[in-house]
Amino acid sequence: MALNGASQGPKAIQELETVLAKHPNDRDSLLALTAFQRDAGNLDAARNFARRLSALEPDNPEVRALLRQVGVTTP
């Protein structure tokens, strides 16, 4: 998070992806990667992370809102 705030978004994304490789169901990493990728304009990547998060928490309203933000329709 600190790296993203220090205008080092690509480095923050890289670090989070490293964490996610070791902990593929880490909610915080998926949430942060969705937001960082969205903010960087990488919507395909943001959608991928949002879908993974949704698979973990399908009934979470925050996750549903995030899906809508990145252009994924939910039932």
PDB file of N, CA and C in Angstrom:
ATOM      1  N   MET A   1       0.816  -1.180   0.000  1.00  0.00           N
ATOM      2  CA  MET A   1       0.000   0.000   0.000  1.00  0.00           C
ATOM      3  C   MET A   1       0.871   1.260   0.000  1.00  0.00           C
ATOM      4  N   ALA A   2       1.920   1.215   0.782  1.00  0.00           N
ATOM      5  CA  ALA A   2       2.798   2.376   0.852  1.00  0.00           C
ATOM      6  C   ALA A   2       3.442   2.657  -0.497  1.00  0.00           C
ATOM      7  N   LEU A   3       3.802   1.601  -1.219  1.00  0.00           N
ATOM      8  CA  LEU A   3       4.417   1.799  -2.535  1.00  0.00           C
ATOM      9  C   LEU A   3       3.434   2.464  -3.490  1.00  0.00           C
ATOM     10  N   ASN A   4       2.188   2.058  -3.462  1.00  0.00           N
ATOM     11  CA  ASN A   4       1.205   2.663  -4.351  1.00  0.00           C
ATOM     12  C   ASN A   4       1.011   4.137  -4.010  1.00  0.00           C
ATOM     13  N   GLY A   5       0.988   4.458  -2.721  1.00  0.00           N
ATOM     14  CA  GLY A   5       0.850   5.841  -2.297  1.00  0.00           C
ATOM     15  C   GLY A   5       2.062   6.685  -2.654  1.00  0.00           C
ATOM     16  N   ALA A   6       3.195   6.062  -2.858  1.00  0.00           N
ATOM     17  CA  ALA A   6       4.425   6.777  -3.194  1.00  0.00           C
ATOM     18  C   ALA A   6       4.657   6.791  -4.703  1.00  0.00           C
ATOM     19  N   SER A   7       3.570   6.689  -5.460  1.00  0.00           N
ATOM     20  CA  SER A   7       3.626   6.710  -6.926  1.00  0.00           C
ATOM     21  C   SER A   7       4.470   5.570  -7.494  1.00  0.00           C
ATOM     22  N   GLN A   8       4.461   4.459  -6.814  1.00  0.00           N
ATOM     23  CA  GLN A   8       5.177   3.282  -7.287  1.00  0.00           C
ATOM     24  C   GLN A   8       4.181   2.140  -7.497  1.00  0.00           C
ATOM     25  N   GLY A   9       3.080   2.465  -8.182  1.00  0.00           N
ATOM     26  CA  GLY A   9       2.016   1.503  -8.418  1.00  0.00           C
ATOM     27  C   GLY A   9       2.480   0.194  -9.016  1.00  0.00           C
ATOM     28  N   PRO A  10       3.299   0.228 -10.089  1.00  0.00           N
ATOM     29  CA  PRO A  10       3.754  -1.044 -10.662  1.00  0.00           C
ATOM     30  C   PRO A  10       4.523  -1.911  -9.663  1.00  0.00           C
ATOM     31  N   LYS A  11       5.324  -1.292  -8.825  1.00  0.00           N
ATOM     32  CA  LYS A  11       6.067  -2.048  -7.804  1.00  0.00           C
ATOM     33  C   LYS A  11       5.105  -2.619  -6.772  1.00  0.00           C
ATOM     34  N   ALA A  12       4.096  -1.853  -6.393  1.00  0.00           N
ATOM     35  CA  ALA A  12       3.095  -2.335  -5.435  1.00  0.00           C
ATOM     36  C   ALA A  12       2.354  -3.529  -6.012  1.00  0.00           C
ATOM     37  N   ILE A  13       1.973  -3.443  -7.268  1.00  0.00           N
ATOM     38  CA  ILE A  13       1.277  -4.542  -7.929  1.00  0.00           C
ATOM     39  C   ILE A  13       2.160  -5.780  -7.948  1.00  0.00           C
ATOM     40  N   GLN A  14       3.431  -5.608  -8.279  1.00  0.00           N
ATOM     41  CA  GLN A  14       4.371  -6.729  -8.320  1.00  0.00           C
ATOM     42  C   GLN A  14       4.491  -7.392  -6.942  1.00  0.00           C
ATOM     43  N   GLU A  15       4.606  -6.591  -5.918  1.00  0.00           N
ATOM     44  CA  GLU A  15       4.742  -7.133  -4.558  1.00  0.00           C
ATOM     45  C   GLU A  15       3.479  -7.892  -4.152  1.00  0.00           C
ATOM     46  N   LEU A  16       2.319  -7.337  -4.462  1.00  0.00           N
ATOM     47  CA  LEU A  16       1.072  -8.008  -4.109  1.00  0.00           C
ATOM     48  C   LEU A  16       0.887  -9.301  -4.888  1.00  0.00           C
ATOM     49  N   GLU A  17       1.299  -9.309  -6.138  1.00  0.00           N
ATOM     50  CA  GLU A  17       1.201 -10.539  -6.923  1.00  0.00           C
ATOM     51  C   GLU A  17       2.122 -11.622  -6.353  1.00  0.00           C
ATOM     52  N   THR A  18       3.257 -11.226  -5.797  1.00  0.00           N
ATOM     53  CA  THR A  18       4.148 -12.176  -5.141  1.00  0.00           C
ATOM     54  C   THR A  18       3.470 -12.778  -3.906  1.00  0.00           C
ATOM     55  N   VAL A  19       2.829 -11.929  -3.127  1.00  0.00           N
ATOM     56  CA  VAL A  19       2.093 -12.409  -1.953  1.00  0.00           C
ATOM     57  C   VAL A  19       0.979 -13.352  -2.388  1.00  0.00           C
ATOM     58  N   LEU A  20       0.263 -12.965  -3.441  1.00  0.00           N
ATOM     59  CA  LEU A  20      -0.869 -13.764  -3.911  1.00  0.00           C
ATOM     60  C   LEU A  20      -0.418 -15.120  -4.452  1.00  0.00           C
ATOM     61  N   ALA A  21       0.762 -15.184  -5.021  1.00  0.00           N
ATOM     62  CA  ALA A  21       1.281 -16.463  -5.502  1.00  0.00           C
ATOM     63  C   ALA A  21       1.471 -17.445  -4.346  1.00  0.00           C
ATOM     64  N   LYS A  22       1.833 -16.917  -3.195  1.00  0.00           N
ATOM     65  CA  LYS A  22       2.030 -17.766  -2.012  1.00  0.00           C
ATOM     66  C   LYS A  22       0.728 -18.016  -1.258  1.00  0.00           C
ATOM     67  N   HIS A  23      -0.191 -17.057  -1.351  1.00  0.00           N
ATOM     68  CA  HIS A  23      -1.461 -17.122  -0.617  1.00  0.00           C
ATOM     69  C   HIS A  23      -2.592 -16.755  -1.582  1.00  0.00           C
ATOM     70  N   PRO A  24      -2.982 -17.675  -2.450  1.00  0.00           N
ATOM     71  CA  PRO A  24      -3.907 -17.345  -3.545  1.00  0.00           C
ATOM     72  C   PRO A  24      -5.301 -16.888  -3.113  1.00  0.00           C
ATOM     73  N   ASN A  25      -5.674 -17.132  -1.871  1.00  0.00           N
ATOM     74  CA  ASN A  25      -6.987 -16.711  -1.401  1.00  0.00           C
ATOM     75  C   ASN A  25      -6.925 -15.555  -0.415  1.00  0.00           C
ATOM     76  N   ASP A  26      -5.839 -14.797  -0.464  1.00  0.00           N
ATOM     77  CA  ASP A  26      -5.687 -13.671   0.454  1.00  0.00           C
ATOM     78  C   ASP A  26      -6.609 -12.533   0.036  1.00  0.00           C
ATOM     79  N   ARG A  27      -7.630 -12.310   0.830  1.00  0.00           N
ATOM     80  CA  ARG A  27      -8.651 -11.317   0.520  1.00  0.00           C
ATOM     81  C   ARG A  27      -8.061  -9.923   0.339  1.00  0.00           C
ATOM     82  N   ASP A  28      -7.203  -9.519   1.248  1.00  0.00           N
ATOM     83  CA  ASP A  28      -6.648  -8.164   1.189  1.00  0.00           C
ATOM     84  C   ASP A  28      -5.824  -7.947  -0.075  1.00  0.00           C
ATOM     85  N   SER A  29      -5.050  -8.945  -0.456  1.00  0.00           N
ATOM     86  CA  SER A  29      -4.249  -8.816  -1.680  1.00  0.00           C
ATOM     87  C   SER A  29      -5.138  -8.742  -2.909  1.00  0.00           C
ATOM     88  N   LEU A  30      -6.171  -9.579  -2.954  1.00  0.00           N
ATOM     89  CA  LEU A  30      -7.093  -9.543  -4.093  1.00  0.00           C
ATOM     90  C   LEU A  30      -7.814  -8.204  -4.171  1.00  0.00           C
ATOM     91  N   LEU A  31      -8.234  -7.701  -3.034  1.00  0.00           N
ATOM     92  CA  LEU A  31      -8.923  -6.417  -2.992  1.00  0.00           C
ATOM     93  C   LEU A  31      -8.003  -5.291  -3.465  1.00  0.00           C
ATOM     94  N   ALA A  32      -6.788  -5.277  -2.938  1.00  0.00           N
ATOM     95  CA  ALA A  32      -5.836  -4.229  -3.320  1.00  0.00           C
ATOM     96  C   ALA A  32      -5.450  -4.336  -4.795  1.00  0.00           C
ATOM     97  N   LEU A  33      -5.208  -5.538  -5.273  1.00  0.00           N
ATOM     98  CA  LEU A  33      -4.837  -5.703  -6.680  1.00  0.00           C
ATOM     99  C   LEU A  33      -5.975  -5.280  -7.604  1.00  0.00           C
ATOM    100  N   THR A  34      -7.195  -5.575  -7.228  1.00  0.00           N
ATOM    101  CA  THR A  34      -8.326  -5.120  -8.035  1.00  0.00           C
ATOM    102  C   THR A  34      -8.324  -3.599  -8.128  1.00  0.00           C
ATOM    103  N   ALA A  35      -8.186  -2.949  -7.000  1.00  0.00           N
ATOM    104  CA  ALA A  35      -8.204  -1.486  -6.981  1.00  0.00           C
ATOM    105  C   ALA A  35      -7.008  -0.884  -7.713  1.00  0.00           C
ATOM    106  N   PHE A  36      -5.822  -1.412  -7.471  1.00  0.00           N
ATOM    107  CA  PHE A  36      -4.626  -0.863  -8.111  1.00  0.00           C
ATOM    108  C   PHE A  36      -4.685  -1.038  -9.628  1.00  0.00           C
ATOM    109  N   GLN A  37      -5.102  -2.221 -10.067  1.00  0.00           N
ATOM    110  CA  GLN A  37      -5.193  -2.466 -11.508  1.00  0.00           C
ATOM    111  C   GLN A  37      -6.275  -1.584 -12.130  1.00  0.00           C
ATOM    112  N   ARG A  38      -7.399  -1.445 -11.452  1.00  0.00           N
ATOM    113  CA  ARG A  38      -8.458  -0.546 -11.937  1.00  0.00           C
ATOM    114  C   ARG A  38      -7.915   0.877 -12.088  1.00  0.00           C
ATOM    115  N   ASP A  39      -7.256   1.351 -11.058  1.00  0.00           N
ATOM    116  CA  ASP A  39      -6.736   2.725 -11.073  1.00  0.00           C
ATOM    117  C   ASP A  39      -5.659   2.920 -12.130  1.00  0.00           C
ATOM    118  N   ALA A  40      -4.931   1.844 -12.466  1.00  0.00           N
ATOM    119  CA  ALA A  40      -3.893   1.911 -13.496  1.00  0.00           C
ATOM    120  C   ALA A  40      -4.478   1.766 -14.900  1.00  0.00           C
ATOM    121  N   GLY A  41      -5.788   1.503 -14.983  1.00  0.00           N
ATOM    122  CA  GLY A  41      -6.431   1.356 -16.282  1.00  0.00           C
ATOM    123  C   GLY A  41      -6.344  -0.052 -16.853  1.00  0.00           C
ATOM    124  N   ASN A  42      -5.885  -0.990 -16.042  1.00  0.00           N
ATOM    125  CA  ASN A  42      -5.765  -2.388 -16.476  1.00  0.00           C
ATOM    126  C   ASN A  42      -7.033  -3.142 -16.085  1.00  0.00           C
ATOM    127  N   LEU A  43      -8.117  -2.867 -16.802  1.00  0.00           N
ATOM    128  CA  LEU A  43      -9.406  -3.404 -16.394  1.00  0.00           C
ATOM    129  C   LEU A  43      -9.514  -4.912 -16.525  1.00  0.00           C
ATOM    130  N   ASP A  44      -8.866  -5.507 -17.503  1.00  0.00           N
ATOM    131  CA  ASP A  44      -8.912  -6.964 -17.618  1.00  0.00           C
ATOM    132  C   ASP A  44      -8.296  -7.622 -16.378  1.00  0.00           C
ATOM    133  N   ALA A  45      -7.167  -7.115 -15.946  1.00  0.00           N
ATOM    134  CA  ALA A  45      -6.528  -7.656 -14.741  1.00  0.00           C
ATOM    135  C   ALA A  45      -7.392  -7.381 -13.515  1.00  0.00           C
ATOM    136  N   ALA A  46      -7.959  -6.182 -13.433  1.00  0.00           N
ATOM    137  CA  ALA A  46      -8.828  -5.838 -12.300  1.00  0.00           C
ATOM    138  C   ALA A  46     -10.026  -6.775 -12.252  1.00  0.00           C
ATOM    139  N   ARG A  47     -10.610  -7.055 -13.399  1.00  0.00           N
ATOM    140  CA  ARG A  47     -11.758  -7.972 -13.447  1.00  0.00           C
ATOM    141  C   ARG A  47     -11.369  -9.379 -12.992  1.00  0.00           C
ATOM    142  N   ASN A  48     -10.203  -9.824 -13.402  1.00  0.00           N
ATOM    143  CA  ASN A  48      -9.734 -11.147 -12.997  1.00  0.00           C
ATOM    144  C   ASN A  48      -9.614 -11.245 -11.485  1.00  0.00           C
ATOM    145  N   PHE A  49      -8.982 -10.267 -10.862  1.00  0.00           N
ATOM    146  CA  PHE A  49      -8.828 -10.293  -9.409  1.00  0.00           C
ATOM    147  C   PHE A  49     -10.181 -10.148  -8.718  1.00  0.00           C
ATOM    148  N   ALA A  50     -11.056  -9.314  -9.257  1.00  0.00           N
ATOM    149  CA  ALA A  50     -12.384  -9.139  -8.666  1.00  0.00           C
ATOM    150  C   ALA A  50     -13.191 -10.434  -8.738  1.00  0.00           C
ATOM    151  N   ARG A  51     -13.089 -11.131  -9.840  1.00  0.00           N
ATOM    152  CA  ARG A  51     -13.796 -12.419  -9.959  1.00  0.00           C
ATOM    153  C   ARG A  51     -13.260 -13.444  -8.958  1.00  0.00           C
ATOM    154  N   ARG A  52     -11.966 -13.452  -8.770  1.00  0.00           N
ATOM    155  CA  ARG A  52     -11.376 -14.376  -7.791  1.00  0.00           C
ATOM    156  C   ARG A  52     -11.874 -14.051  -6.391  1.00  0.00           C
ATOM    157  N   LEU A  53     -11.942 -12.768  -6.085  1.00  0.00           N
ATOM    158  CA  LEU A  53     -12.450 -12.340  -4.794  1.00  0.00           C
ATOM    159  C   LEU A  53     -13.922 -12.713  -4.643  1.00  0.00           C
ATOM    160  N   SER A  54     -14.675 -12.551  -5.697  1.00  0.00           N
ATOM    161  CA  SER A  54     -16.088 -12.899  -5.675  1.00  0.00           C
ATOM    162  C   SER A  54     -16.304 -14.388  -5.449  1.00  0.00           C
ATOM    163  N   ALA A  55     -15.425 -15.212  -5.980  1.00  0.00           N
ATOM    164  CA  ALA A  55     -15.533 -16.654  -5.760  1.00  0.00           C
ATOM    165  C   ALA A  55     -15.350 -16.997  -4.281  1.00  0.00           C
ATOM    166  N   LEU A  56     -14.560 -16.190  -3.577  1.00  0.00           N
ATOM    167  CA  LEU A  56     -14.337 -16.416  -2.146  1.00  0.00           C
ATOM    168  C   LEU A  56     -15.476 -15.861  -1.301  1.00  0.00           C
ATOM    169  N   GLU A  57     -16.042 -14.742  -1.749  1.00  0.00           N
ATOM    170  CA  GLU A  57     -17.068 -14.048  -0.966  1.00  0.00           C
ATOM    171  C   GLU A  57     -18.235 -13.642  -1.873  1.00  0.00           C
ATOM    172  N   PRO A  58     -18.977 -14.608  -2.387  1.00  0.00           N
ATOM    173  CA  PRO A  58     -20.011 -14.302  -3.377  1.00  0.00           C
ATOM    174  C   PRO A  58     -21.158 -13.437  -2.858  1.00  0.00           C
ATOM    175  N   ASP A  59     -21.410 -13.443  -1.566  1.00  0.00           N
ATOM    176  CA  ASP A  59     -22.529 -12.681  -1.018  1.00  0.00           C
ATOM    177  C   ASP A  59     -22.117 -11.361  -0.373  1.00  0.00           C
ATOM    178  N   ASN A  60     -20.849 -11.011  -0.482  1.00  0.00           N
ATOM    179  CA  ASN A  60     -20.339  -9.791   0.143  1.00  0.00           C
ATOM    180  C   ASN A  60     -20.730  -8.578  -0.703  1.00  0.00           C
ATOM    181  N   PRO A  61     -21.512  -7.639  -0.142  1.00  0.00           N
ATOM    182  CA  PRO A  61     -21.939  -6.462  -0.913  1.00  0.00           C
ATOM    183  C   PRO A  61     -20.770  -5.590  -1.387  1.00  0.00           C
ATOM    184  N   GLU A  62     -19.707  -5.528  -0.596  1.00  0.00           N
ATOM    185  CA  GLU A  62     -18.526  -4.745  -0.982  1.00  0.00           C
ATOM    186  C   GLU A  62     -17.888  -5.342  -2.237  1.00  0.00           C
ATOM    187  N   VAL A  63     -17.814  -6.652  -2.290  1.00  0.00           N
ATOM    188  CA  VAL A  63     -17.236  -7.334  -3.445  1.00  0.00           C
ATOM    189  C   VAL A  63     -18.137  -7.146  -4.669  1.00  0.00           C
ATOM    190  N   ARG A  64     -19.448  -7.231  -4.468  1.00  0.00           N
ATOM    191  CA  ARG A  64     -20.378  -7.010  -5.584  1.00  0.00           C
ATOM    192  C   ARG A  64     -20.233  -5.590  -6.144  1.00  0.00           C
ATOM    193  N   ALA A  65     -20.065  -4.617  -5.260  1.00  0.00           N
ATOM    194  CA  ALA A  65     -19.871  -3.237  -5.708  1.00  0.00           C
ATOM    195  C   ALA A  65     -18.569  -3.103  -6.488  1.00  0.00           C
ATOM    196  N   LEU A  66     -17.532  -3.756  -6.015  1.00  0.00           N
ATOM    197  CA  LEU A  66     -16.246  -3.717  -6.705  1.00  0.00           C
ATOM    198  C   LEU A  66     -16.358  -4.343  -8.093  1.00  0.00           C
ATOM    199  N   LEU A  67     -17.083  -5.436  -8.203  1.00  0.00           N
ATOM    200  CA  LEU A  67     -17.309  -6.056  -9.516  1.00  0.00           C
ATOM    201  C   LEU A  67     -17.974  -5.069 -10.465  1.00  0.00           C
ATOM    202  N   ARG A  68     -18.973  -4.365  -9.982  1.00  0.00           N
ATOM    203  CA  ARG A  68     -19.652  -3.376 -10.830  1.00  0.00           C
ATOM    204  C   ARG A  68     -18.700  -2.257 -11.245  1.00  0.00           C
ATOM    205  N   GLN A  69     -17.829  -1.846 -10.335  1.00  0.00           N
ATOM    206  CA  GLN A  69     -16.881  -0.766 -10.632  1.00  0.00           C
ATOM    207  C   GLN A  69     -15.950  -1.124 -11.774  1.00  0.00           C
ATOM    208  N   VAL A  70     -15.622  -2.400 -11.896  1.00  0.00           N
ATOM    209  CA  VAL A  70     -14.699  -2.812 -12.960  1.00  0.00           C
ATOM    210  C   VAL A  70     -15.430  -3.381 -14.163  1.00  0.00           C
ATOM    211  N   GLY A  71     -16.763  -3.281 -14.131  1.00  0.00           N
ATOM    212  CA  GLY A  71     -17.545  -3.653 -15.313  1.00  0.00           C
ATOM    213  C   GLY A  71     -17.949  -5.102 -15.399  1.00  0.00           C
ATOM    214  N   VAL A  72     -18.040  -5.772 -14.259  1.00  0.00           N
ATOM    215  CA  VAL A  72     -18.514  -7.153 -14.235  1.00  0.00           C
ATOM    216  C   VAL A  72     -19.943  -7.136 -13.704  1.00  0.00           C
ATOM    217  N   THR A  73     -20.872  -7.661 -14.501  1.00  0.00           N
ATOM    218  CA  THR A  73     -22.254  -7.715 -14.038  1.00  0.00           C
ATOM    219  C   THR A  73     -22.438  -8.912 -13.129  1.00  0.00           C
ATOM    220  N   THR A  74     -23.248  -8.730 -12.114  1.00  0.00           N
ATOM    221  CA  THR A  74     -23.519  -9.802 -11.166  1.00  0.00           C
ATOM    222  C   THR A  74     -25.005 -10.155 -11.227  1.00  0.00           C
ATOM    223  N   PRO A  75     -25.314 -11.397 -10.936  1.00  0.00           N
ATOM    224  CA  PRO A  75     -26.724 -11.808 -10.965  1.00  0.00           C
ATOM    225  C   PRO A  75     -27.538 -11.157  -9.867  1.00  0.00           C
TER     226      PRO A  75
END
